[in-house]
C-alpha atoms as a PDB file:
ATOM      1  CA  MET A   1     -80.374 -25.028 -94.997  1.00  0.00           C
ATOM      2  CA  GLU A   2     -82.842 -25.529 -97.836  1.00  0.00           C
ATOM      3  CA  ARG A   3     -85.580 -23.939 -95.739  1.00  0.00           C
ATOM      4  CA  ALA A   4     -83.268 -20.997 -95.043  1.00  0.00           C
ATOM      5  CA  ILE A   5     -82.631 -20.528 -98.755  1.00  0.00           C
ATOM      6  CA  GLY A   6     -86.370 -20.750 -99.366  1.00  0.00           C
ATOM      7  CA  ALA A   7     -86.889 -17.978 -96.805  1.00  0.00           C
ATOM      8  CA  GLN A   8     -84.381 -15.805 -98.739  1.00  0.00           C
ATOM      9  CA  VAL A   9     -81.623 -16.108 -96.159  1.00  0.00           C
ATOM     10  CA  THR A  10     -78.360 -15.551 -98.054  1.00  0.00           C
ATOM     11  CA  GLY A  11     -75.777 -15.690 -95.263  1.00  0.00           C
ATOM     12  CA  ILE A  12     -75.244 -17.438 -91.938  1.00  0.00           C
ATOM     13  CA  CYS A  13     -72.501 -17.054 -89.352  1.00  0.00           C
ATOM     14  CA  CYS A  14     -72.157 -20.455 -87.681  1.00  0.00           C
ATOM     15  CA  CYS A  15     -70.522 -19.939 -84.280  1.00  0.00           C
ATOM     16  CA  ALA A  16     -68.548 -22.597 -82.473  1.00  0.00           C
ATOM     17  CA  THR A  17     -68.601 -22.951 -78.692  1.00  0.00           C
ATOM     18  CA  ALA A  18     -65.610 -25.119 -77.703  1.00  0.00           C
ATOM     19  CA  PRO A  19     -62.660 -27.028 -79.197  1.00  0.00           C
ATOM     20  CA  ALA A  20     -64.819 -30.152 -79.447  1.00  0.00           C
ATOM     21  CA  ASP A  21     -67.025 -28.601 -82.128  1.00  0.00           C
ATOM     22  CA  TRP A  22     -64.537 -26.556 -84.164  1.00  0.00           C
ATOM     23  CA  GLN A  23     -64.065 -29.294 -86.751  1.00  0.00           C
ATOM     24  CA  ALA A  24     -67.827 -29.741 -87.108  1.00  0.00           C
ATOM     25  CA  VAL A  25     -68.314 -26.011 -87.642  1.00  0.00           C
ATOM     26  CA  LYS A  26     -65.594 -26.051 -90.292  1.00  0.00           C
ATOM     27  CA  ALA A  27     -67.380 -28.950 -92.020  1.00  0.00           C
ATOM     28  CA  VAL A  28     -70.797 -27.226 -91.919  1.00  0.00           C
ATOM     29  CA  ALA A  29     -69.352 -24.142 -93.590  1.00  0.00           C
ATOM     30  CA  ALA A  30     -67.566 -26.212 -96.233  1.00  0.00           C
ATOM     31  CA  ASP A  31     -70.533 -28.479 -96.953  1.00  0.00           C
ATOM     32  CA  TYR A  32     -73.302 -25.885 -97.171  1.00  0.00           C
ATOM     33  CA  THR A  33     -71.725 -22.774 -98.686  1.00  0.00           C
ATOM     34  CA  SER A  34     -73.007 -22.398-102.240  1.00  0.00           C
ATOM     35  CA  ALA A  35     -73.968 -19.796-104.814  1.00  0.00           C
ATOM     36  CA  ARG A  36     -77.239 -19.377-102.923  1.00  0.00           C
ATOM     37  CA  LEU A  37     -76.003 -19.339 -99.319  1.00  0.00           C
ATOM     38  CA  VAL A  38     -72.765 -18.324 -97.594  1.00  0.00           C
ATOM     39  CA  VAL A  39     -72.027 -20.097 -94.299  1.00  0.00           C
ATOM     40  CA  LEU A  40     -69.237 -18.336 -92.441  1.00  0.00           C
ATOM     41  CA  PRO A  41     -67.573 -20.327 -89.648  1.00  0.00           C
ATOM     42  CA  ALA A  42     -66.611 -18.609 -86.393  1.00  0.00           C
ATOM     43  CA  TYR A  43     -64.284 -20.257 -83.900  1.00  0.00           C
ATOM     44  CA  GLY A  44     -64.108 -19.530 -80.207  1.00  0.00           C
ATOM     45  CA  ILE A  45     -64.794 -20.676 -76.663  1.00  0.00           C
ATOM     46  CA  HIS A  46     -68.196 -19.808 -75.245  1.00  0.00           C
ATOM     47  CA  PRO A  47     -68.121 -18.861 -71.539  1.00  0.00           C
ATOM     48  CA  TRP A  48     -70.099 -21.991 -70.648  1.00  0.00           C
ATOM     49  CA  TYR A  49     -67.150 -24.117 -71.775  1.00  0.00           C
ATOM     50  CA  VAL A  50     -64.132 -22.378 -70.255  1.00  0.00           C
ATOM     51  CA  GLU A  51     -63.463 -25.140 -67.721  1.00  0.00           C
ATOM     52  CA  GLY A  52     -61.217 -28.122 -68.456  1.00  0.00           C
ATOM     53  CA  LEU A  53     -59.711 -26.733 -71.646  1.00  0.00           C
ATOM     54  CA  PRO A  54     -56.585 -28.357 -73.105  1.00  0.00           C
ATOM     55  CA  ASP A  55     -53.381 -26.448 -72.407  1.00  0.00           C
ATOM     56  CA  ASN A  56     -52.828 -25.775 -76.092  1.00  0.00           C
ATOM     57  CA  TRP A  57     -56.274 -24.354 -76.796  1.00  0.00           C
ATOM     58  CA  PRO A  58     -55.010 -20.887 -77.870  1.00  0.00           C
ATOM     59  CA  GLU A  59     -52.701 -22.445 -80.459  1.00  0.00           C
ATOM     60  CA  LEU A  60     -55.478 -24.756 -81.649  1.00  0.00           C
ATOM     61  CA  LEU A  61     -57.873 -21.823 -81.970  1.00  0.00           C
ATOM     62  CA  GLU A  62     -55.346 -19.894 -84.027  1.00  0.00           C
ATOM     63  CA  TYR A  63     -54.873 -22.952 -86.249  1.00  0.00           C
ATOM     64  CA  TYR A  64     -58.600 -23.063 -87.066  1.00  0.00           C
ATOM     65  CA  LEU A  65     -58.768 -19.316 -87.645  1.00  0.00           C
ATOM     66  CA  ASP A  66     -55.864 -19.633 -90.060  1.00  0.00           C
ATOM     67  CA  GLN A  67     -57.918 -22.089 -92.139  1.00  0.00           C
ATOM     68  CA  ASN A  68     -60.342 -19.301 -93.098  1.00  0.00           C
ATOM     69  CA  VAL A  69     -59.061 -15.736 -93.326  1.00  0.00           C
ATOM     70  CA  CYS A  70     -62.613 -14.377 -92.901  1.00  0.00           C
ATOM     71  CA  ALA A  71     -63.551 -16.437 -89.832  1.00  0.00           C
ATOM     72  CA  PRO A  72     -64.505 -14.309 -86.818  1.00  0.00           C
ATOM     73  CA  VAL A  73     -63.599 -15.198 -83.236  1.00  0.00           C
ATOM     74  CA  GLY A  74     -66.811 -16.354 -81.584  1.00  0.00           C
ATOM     75  CA  GLU A  75     -68.872 -17.105 -79.766  1.00  0.00           C
ATOM     76  CA  ILE A  76     -66.970 -15.604 -76.838  1.00  0.00           C
ATOM     77  CA  GLY A  77     -67.824 -13.492 -73.827  1.00  0.00           C
ATOM     78  CA  VAL A  78     -69.024 -13.616 -70.232  1.00  0.00           C
ATOM     79  CA  ASP A  79     -72.178 -15.201 -68.894  1.00  0.00           C
ATOM     80  CA  GLY A  80     -74.429 -14.685 -65.904  1.00  0.00           C
ATOM     81  CA  ILE A  81     -76.786 -17.597 -66.449  1.00  0.00           C
ATOM     82  CA  ARG A  82     -74.595 -20.452 -65.217  1.00  0.00           C
ATOM     83  CA  LYS A  83     -73.541 -19.115 -61.823  1.00  0.00           C
ATOM     84  CA  SER A  84     -71.239 -22.033 -61.024  1.00  0.00           C
ATOM     85  CA  ILE A  85     -68.690 -21.068 -63.700  1.00  0.00           C
ATOM     86  CA  SER A  86     -65.934 -18.807 -62.390  1.00  0.00           C
ATOM     87  CA  ARG A  87     -66.382 -15.271 -63.711  1.00  0.00           C
ATOM     88  CA  GLU A  88     -62.647 -14.711 -63.309  1.00  0.00           C
ATOM     89  CA  LEU A  89     -61.908 -17.710 -65.531  1.00  0.00           C
ATOM     90  CA  GLN A  90     -64.471 -16.508 -68.076  1.00  0.00           C
ATOM     91  CA  ARG A  91     -62.776 -13.107 -68.224  1.00  0.00           C
ATOM     92  CA  ARG A  92     -59.323 -14.668 -68.578  1.00  0.00           C
ATOM     93  CA  VAL A  93     -60.375 -16.908 -71.480  1.00  0.00           C
ATOM     94  CA  LEU A  94     -62.218 -13.993 -73.100  1.00  0.00           C
ATOM     95  CA  THR A  95     -59.173 -11.716 -72.835  1.00  0.00           C
ATOM     96  CA  ILE A  96     -56.903 -14.264 -74.503  1.00  0.00           C
ATOM     97  CA  GLN A  97     -59.374 -14.562 -77.372  1.00  0.00           C
ATOM     98  CA  LEU A  98     -59.755 -10.798 -77.729  1.00  0.00           C
ATOM     99  CA  GLU A  99     -55.978 -10.450 -77.873  1.00  0.00           C
ATOM    100  CA  LEU A 100     -55.849 -13.107 -80.589  1.00  0.00           C
ATOM    101  CA  ALA A 101     -58.610 -11.360 -82.553  1.00  0.00           C
ATOM    102  CA  VAL A 102     -56.681  -8.093 -82.406  1.00  0.00           C
ATOM    103  CA  ARG A 103     -53.468  -9.760 -83.536  1.00  0.00           C
ATOM    104  CA  LEU A 104     -55.134 -11.573 -86.443  1.00  0.00           C
ATOM    105  CA  GLY A 105     -57.420  -8.684 -87.354  1.00  0.00           C
ATOM    106  CA  ARG A 106     -60.673 -10.640 -86.895  1.00  0.00           C
ATOM    107  CA  PRO A 107     -64.178  -9.547 -85.872  1.00  0.00           C
ATOM    108  CA  VAL A 108     -65.566 -10.927 -82.610  1.00  0.00           C
ATOM    109  CA  VAL A 109     -69.028 -12.314 -81.852  1.00  0.00           C
ATOM    110  CA  LEU A 110     -69.891 -11.685 -78.209  1.00  0.00           C
ATOM    111  CA  HIS A 111     -72.124 -13.389 -75.637  1.00  0.00           C
ATOM    112  CA  GLY A 112     -73.175 -11.437 -72.560  1.00  0.00           C
ATOM    113  CA  ALA A 113     -76.404 -12.956 -71.255  1.00  0.00           C
ATOM    114  CA  ARG A 114     -77.134 -11.539 -67.773  1.00  0.00           C
ATOM    115  CA  ALA A 115     -73.586 -10.145 -67.681  1.00  0.00           C
ATOM    116  CA  TRP A 116     -73.797  -7.257 -70.140  1.00  0.00           C
ATOM    117  CA  GLY A 117     -72.119  -4.682 -67.913  1.00  0.00           C
ATOM    118  CA  ASP A 118     -69.204  -7.003 -67.269  1.00  0.00           C
ATOM    119  CA  LEU A 119     -68.924  -7.695 -70.996  1.00  0.00           C
ATOM    120  CA  VAL A 120     -68.721  -3.968 -71.795  1.00  0.00           C
ATOM    121  CA  GLU A 121     -65.873  -3.543 -69.320  1.00  0.00           C
ATOM    122  CA  CYS A 122     -63.953  -6.499 -70.768  1.00  0.00           C
ATOM    123  CA  VAL A 123     -64.326  -5.480 -74.405  1.00  0.00           C
ATOM    124  CA  GLN A 124     -63.866  -1.715 -74.096  1.00  0.00           C
ATOM    125  CA  PRO A 125     -60.015  -1.776 -74.071  1.00  0.00           C
ATOM    126  CA  PHE A 126     -59.968  -3.833 -77.305  1.00  0.00           C
ATOM    127  CA  ALA A 127     -62.838  -2.356 -79.316  1.00  0.00           C
ATOM    128  CA  SER A 128     -60.896   0.291 -81.224  1.00  0.00           C
ATOM    129  CA  ARG A 129     -58.340  -2.303 -82.354  1.00  0.00           C
ATOM    130  CA  LEU A 130     -60.864  -4.821 -83.679  1.00  0.00           C
ATOM    131  CA  PRO A 131     -62.247  -4.702 -87.231  1.00  0.00           C
ATOM    132  CA  ALA A 132     -65.777  -5.272 -85.870  1.00  0.00           C
ATOM    133  CA  VAL A 133     -67.556  -6.093 -82.627  1.00  0.00           C
ATOM    134  CA  ILE A 134     -70.864  -7.977 -82.940  1.00  0.00           C
ATOM    135  CA  VAL A 135     -72.938  -8.202 -79.745  1.00  0.00           C
ATOM    136  CA  HIS A 136     -75.105 -11.244 -80.330  1.00  0.00           C
ATOM    137  CA  GLY A 137     -78.607 -11.766 -78.926  1.00  0.00           C
ATOM    138  CA  PHE A 138     -78.655  -8.338 -77.293  1.00  0.00           C
ATOM    139  CA  SER A 139     -81.142  -8.061 -74.443  1.00  0.00           C
ATOM    140  CA  SER A 140     -79.937  -5.369 -72.079  1.00  0.00           C
ATOM    141  CA  SER A 141     -80.785  -1.801 -71.121  1.00  0.00           C
ATOM    142  CA  SER A 142     -80.606   1.405 -73.138  1.00  0.00           C
ATOM    143  CA  GLU A 143     -77.609   2.474 -71.061  1.00  0.00           C
ATOM    144  CA  ILE A 144     -75.633  -0.664 -71.958  1.00  0.00           C
ATOM    145  CA  MET A 145     -76.773  -0.321 -75.564  1.00  0.00           C
ATOM    146  CA  ARG A 146     -75.401   3.217 -75.720  1.00  0.00           C
ATOM    147  CA  ARG A 147     -72.035   2.079 -74.337  1.00  0.00           C
ATOM    148  CA  PHE A 148     -71.739  -0.595 -77.019  1.00  0.00           C
ATOM    149  CA  VAL A 149     -72.863   1.844 -79.709  1.00  0.00           C
ATOM    150  CA  ALA A 150     -70.245   4.369 -78.560  1.00  0.00           C
ATOM    151  CA  MET A 151     -67.497   1.791 -79.103  1.00  0.00           C
ATOM    152  CA  GLY A 152     -68.777   1.183 -82.632  1.00  0.00           C
ATOM    153  CA  ALA A 153     -70.291  -2.243 -81.970  1.00  0.00           C
ATOM    154  CA  TYR A 154     -73.056  -3.849 -83.977  1.00  0.00           C
ATOM    155  CA  LEU A 155     -76.031  -5.017 -81.898  1.00  0.00           C
ATOM    156  CA  SER A 156     -77.745  -8.159 -83.150  1.00  0.00           C
ATOM    157  CA  PHE A 157     -81.326  -9.015 -82.168  1.00  0.00           C
ATOM    158  CA  ALA A 158     -82.853 -12.490 -82.113  1.00  0.00           C
ATOM    159  CA  GLY A 159     -86.204 -14.148 -81.459  1.00  0.00           C
ATOM    160  CA  SER A 160     -86.813 -12.425 -78.133  1.00  0.00           C
ATOM    161  CA  VAL A 161     -87.637  -9.215 -80.024  1.00  0.00           C
ATOM    162  CA  CYS A 162     -90.799 -10.980 -81.259  1.00  0.00           C
ATOM    163  CA  ASN A 163     -92.118 -11.318 -77.697  1.00  0.00           C
ATOM    164  CA  PRO A 164     -94.581  -8.456 -77.022  1.00  0.00           C
ATOM    165  CA  LYS A 165     -93.647  -8.589 -73.327  1.00  0.00           C
ATOM    166  CA  ALA A 166     -89.905  -8.117 -73.980  1.00  0.00           C
ATOM    167  CA  ALA A 167     -90.090  -4.344 -73.621  1.00  0.00           C
ATOM    168  CA  THR A 168     -86.378  -3.808 -72.947  1.00  0.00           C
ATOM    169  CA  VAL A 169     -85.239  -5.750 -76.005  1.00  0.00           C
ATOM    170  CA  ARG A 170     -87.857  -4.193 -78.250  1.00  0.00           C
ATOM    171  CA  GLY A 171     -86.943  -0.721 -77.033  1.00  0.00           C
ATOM    172  CA  ALA A 172     -83.274  -1.315 -77.778  1.00  0.00           C
ATOM    173  CA  ALA A 173     -84.119  -2.596 -81.255  1.00  0.00           C
ATOM    174  CA  VAL A 174     -85.798   0.743 -81.966  1.00  0.00           C
ATOM    175  CA  GLN A 175     -83.066   2.920 -80.448  1.00  0.00           C
ATOM    176  CA  VAL A 176     -79.889   1.369 -81.880  1.00  0.00           C
ATOM    177  CA  PRO A 177     -78.537   3.369 -84.843  1.00  0.00           C
ATOM    178  CA  ILE A 178     -79.653   1.636 -88.016  1.00  0.00           C
ATOM    179  CA  GLY A 179     -76.071   1.430 -89.282  1.00  0.00           C
ATOM    180  CA  GLN A 180     -75.213  -0.728 -86.258  1.00  0.00           C
ATOM    181  CA  LEU A 181     -78.297  -2.980 -86.366  1.00  0.00           C
ATOM    182  CA  MET A 182     -78.062  -6.697 -87.124  1.00  0.00           C
ATOM    183  CA  ILE A 183     -80.495  -9.631 -86.929  1.00  0.00           C
ATOM    184  CA  GLU A 184     -80.077 -13.338 -86.181  1.00  0.00           C
ATOM    185  CA  THR A 185     -82.026 -16.396 -85.109  1.00  0.00           C
ATOM    186  CA  ASP A 186     -79.508 -17.842 -82.618  1.00  0.00           C
ATOM    187  CA  ALA A 187     -80.709 -21.228 -83.882  1.00  0.00           C
ATOM    188  CA  PRO A 188     -81.287 -23.652 -82.268  1.00  0.00           C
ATOM    189  CA  ASP A 189     -82.141 -21.301 -79.361  1.00  0.00           C
ATOM    190  CA  LEU A 190     -84.295 -18.154 -78.852  1.00  0.00           C
ATOM    191  CA  PHE A 191     -87.240 -19.518 -80.823  1.00  0.00           C
ATOM    192  CA  PRO A 192     -89.389 -16.583 -82.010  1.00  0.00           C
ATOM    193  CA  THR A 193     -93.105 -16.272 -81.387  1.00  0.00           C
ATOM    194  CA  GLY A 194     -94.853 -17.518 -84.523  1.00  0.00           C
ATOM    195  CA  GLY A 195     -91.782 -19.327 -85.833  1.00  0.00           C
ATOM    196  CA  THR A 196     -91.589 -22.699 -87.566  1.00  0.00           C
ATOM    197  CA  PRO A 197     -89.623 -25.277 -85.529  1.00  0.00           C
ATOM    198  CA  ALA A 198     -86.983 -27.432 -87.176  1.00  0.00           C
ATOM    199  CA  ALA A 199     -88.109 -30.153 -84.754  1.00  0.00           C
ATOM    200  CA  MET A 200     -89.079 -30.570 -81.119  1.00  0.00           C
ATOM    201  CA  ASP A 201     -86.504 -31.349 -78.441  1.00  0.00           C
ATOM    202  CA  GLU A 202     -86.731 -34.061 -75.786  1.00  0.00           C
ATOM    203  CA  ASN A 203     -88.786 -31.693 -73.601  1.00  0.00           C
ATOM    204  CA  ASN A 204     -91.191 -30.958 -76.464  1.00  0.00           C
ATOM    205  CA  ARG A 205     -89.839 -27.451 -76.934  1.00  0.00           C
ATOM    206  CA  PRO A 206     -89.398 -26.023 -80.451  1.00  0.00           C
ATOM    207  CA  ILE A 207     -85.911 -26.019 -81.973  1.00  0.00           C
ATOM    208  CA  ASN A 208     -85.166 -22.807 -83.844  1.00  0.00           C
ATOM    209  CA  GLN A 209     -83.806 -22.664 -87.404  1.00  0.00           C
ATOM    210  CA  PRO A 210     -82.322 -19.987 -89.708  1.00  0.00           C
ATOM    211  CA  SER A 211     -85.449 -19.749 -91.893  1.00  0.00           C
ATOM    212  CA  ASN A 212     -87.171 -17.948 -89.003  1.00  0.00           C
ATOM    213  CA  LEU A 213     -84.937 -14.924 -89.615  1.00  0.00           C
ATOM    214  CA  LYS A 214     -87.667 -13.202 -91.610  1.00  0.00           C
ATOM    215  CA  LEU A 215     -89.830 -13.014 -88.471  1.00  0.00           C
ATOM    216  CA  ILE A 216     -87.151 -11.046 -86.641  1.00  0.00           C
ATOM    217  CA  CYS A 217     -86.709  -8.788 -89.653  1.00  0.00           C
ATOM    218  CA  ASP A 218     -90.452  -8.182 -89.959  1.00  0.00           C
ATOM    219  CA  GLU A 219     -90.841  -7.473 -86.230  1.00  0.00           C
ATOM    220  CA  ILE A 220     -88.035  -4.910 -86.159  1.00  0.00           C
ATOM    221  CA  ALA A 221     -89.431  -3.316 -89.316  1.00  0.00           C
ATOM    222  CA  GLU A 222     -92.800  -2.915 -87.623  1.00  0.00           C
ATOM    223  CA  LEU A 223     -91.246  -1.529 -84.431  1.00  0.00           C
ATOM    224  CA  ARG A 224     -89.178   0.992 -86.392  1.00  0.00           C
ATOM    225  CA  HIS A 225     -91.951   1.828 -88.907  1.00  0.00           C
ATOM    226  CA  ILE A 226     -89.710   0.918 -91.824  1.00  0.00           C
ATOM    227  CA  ALA A 227     -90.489  -1.497 -94.646  1.00  0.00           C
ATOM    228  CA  SER A 228     -89.293  -5.040 -94.000  1.00  0.00           C
ATOM    229  CA  ASP A 229     -87.310  -5.243 -97.239  1.00  0.00           C
ATOM    230  CA  VAL A 230     -85.454  -2.063 -96.246  1.00  0.00           C
ATOM    231  CA  ILE A 231     -84.519  -3.577 -92.878  1.00  0.00           C
ATOM    232  CA  ALA A 232     -83.430  -6.744 -94.708  1.00  0.00           C
ATOM    233  CA  ASP A 233     -81.190  -4.755 -97.055  1.00  0.00           C
ATOM    234  CA  ILE A 234     -79.699  -2.643 -94.264  1.00  0.00           C
ATOM    235  CA  THR A 235     -78.984  -5.536 -91.904  1.00  0.00           C
ATOM    236  CA  ALA A 236     -77.497  -7.576 -94.757  1.00  0.00           C
ATOM    237  CA  SER A 237     -75.229  -4.666 -95.631  1.00  0.00           C
ATOM    238  CA  ASN A 238     -74.253  -4.254 -91.978  1.00  0.00           C
ATOM    239  CA  ALA A 239     -73.472  -7.973 -91.707  1.00  0.00           C
ATOM    240  CA  ARG A 240     -71.247  -7.856 -94.781  1.00  0.00           C
ATOM    241  CA  ALA A 241     -69.436  -4.818 -93.393  1.00  0.00           C
ATOM    242  CA  ALA A 242     -68.949  -6.488 -90.001  1.00  0.00           C
ATOM    243  CA  PHE A 243     -67.895  -9.937 -91.184  1.00  0.00           C
ATOM    244  CA  LEU A 244     -66.333  -9.461 -94.596  1.00  0.00           C
ATOM    245  CA  SER A 245     -64.796  -6.001 -94.812  1.00  0.00           C
END
């Protein structure tokens, strides 16, 4: 967190993944929010963790959301990476969470890795009734990007945009309307080329951290031929509109 502040990061959305970490996310937000840095907790069930949930998980999720009137519902969605997890179950858990977000008037933070088309279909019926839709770690085609843009979603880009070979992601980062552009690190994942690791994991791979956000900002600025501080101001304004309006 101190490194993030040193890198001029002023806000972080800390997304939960499953009931087991909701209390920890709440504690992180409470412990690290200060005059220099806002840490916004988000509570939800990531599609990797939809199996074996307690029967009362929707009530428990609503309880945590009630603890912070600004907390988004996230990270939620559908996933195509872990093939063994039932897509039908993923959709069912996602739908319950989207319905809750509509009822409580909360933004949603969406995961759609390798399942972007499916995610669009699931979210489309709810989009107009949600205060904001944030598509996290976007890495799909221009066609999918346009469908999300048409529903008013914000598209957030992470470390993959710094990879010169990631032509699809980099192209989308240029094409998305600037009023719907957001940036993130997805720490501890999606480590950007040229980033500073928080540490190395057990497989000697770099662990990402929020202070690397400036790299994503700088890369998108270069791709769009706009000054980095302008991209920083615009994406910060977009984030405030999405999460706090």
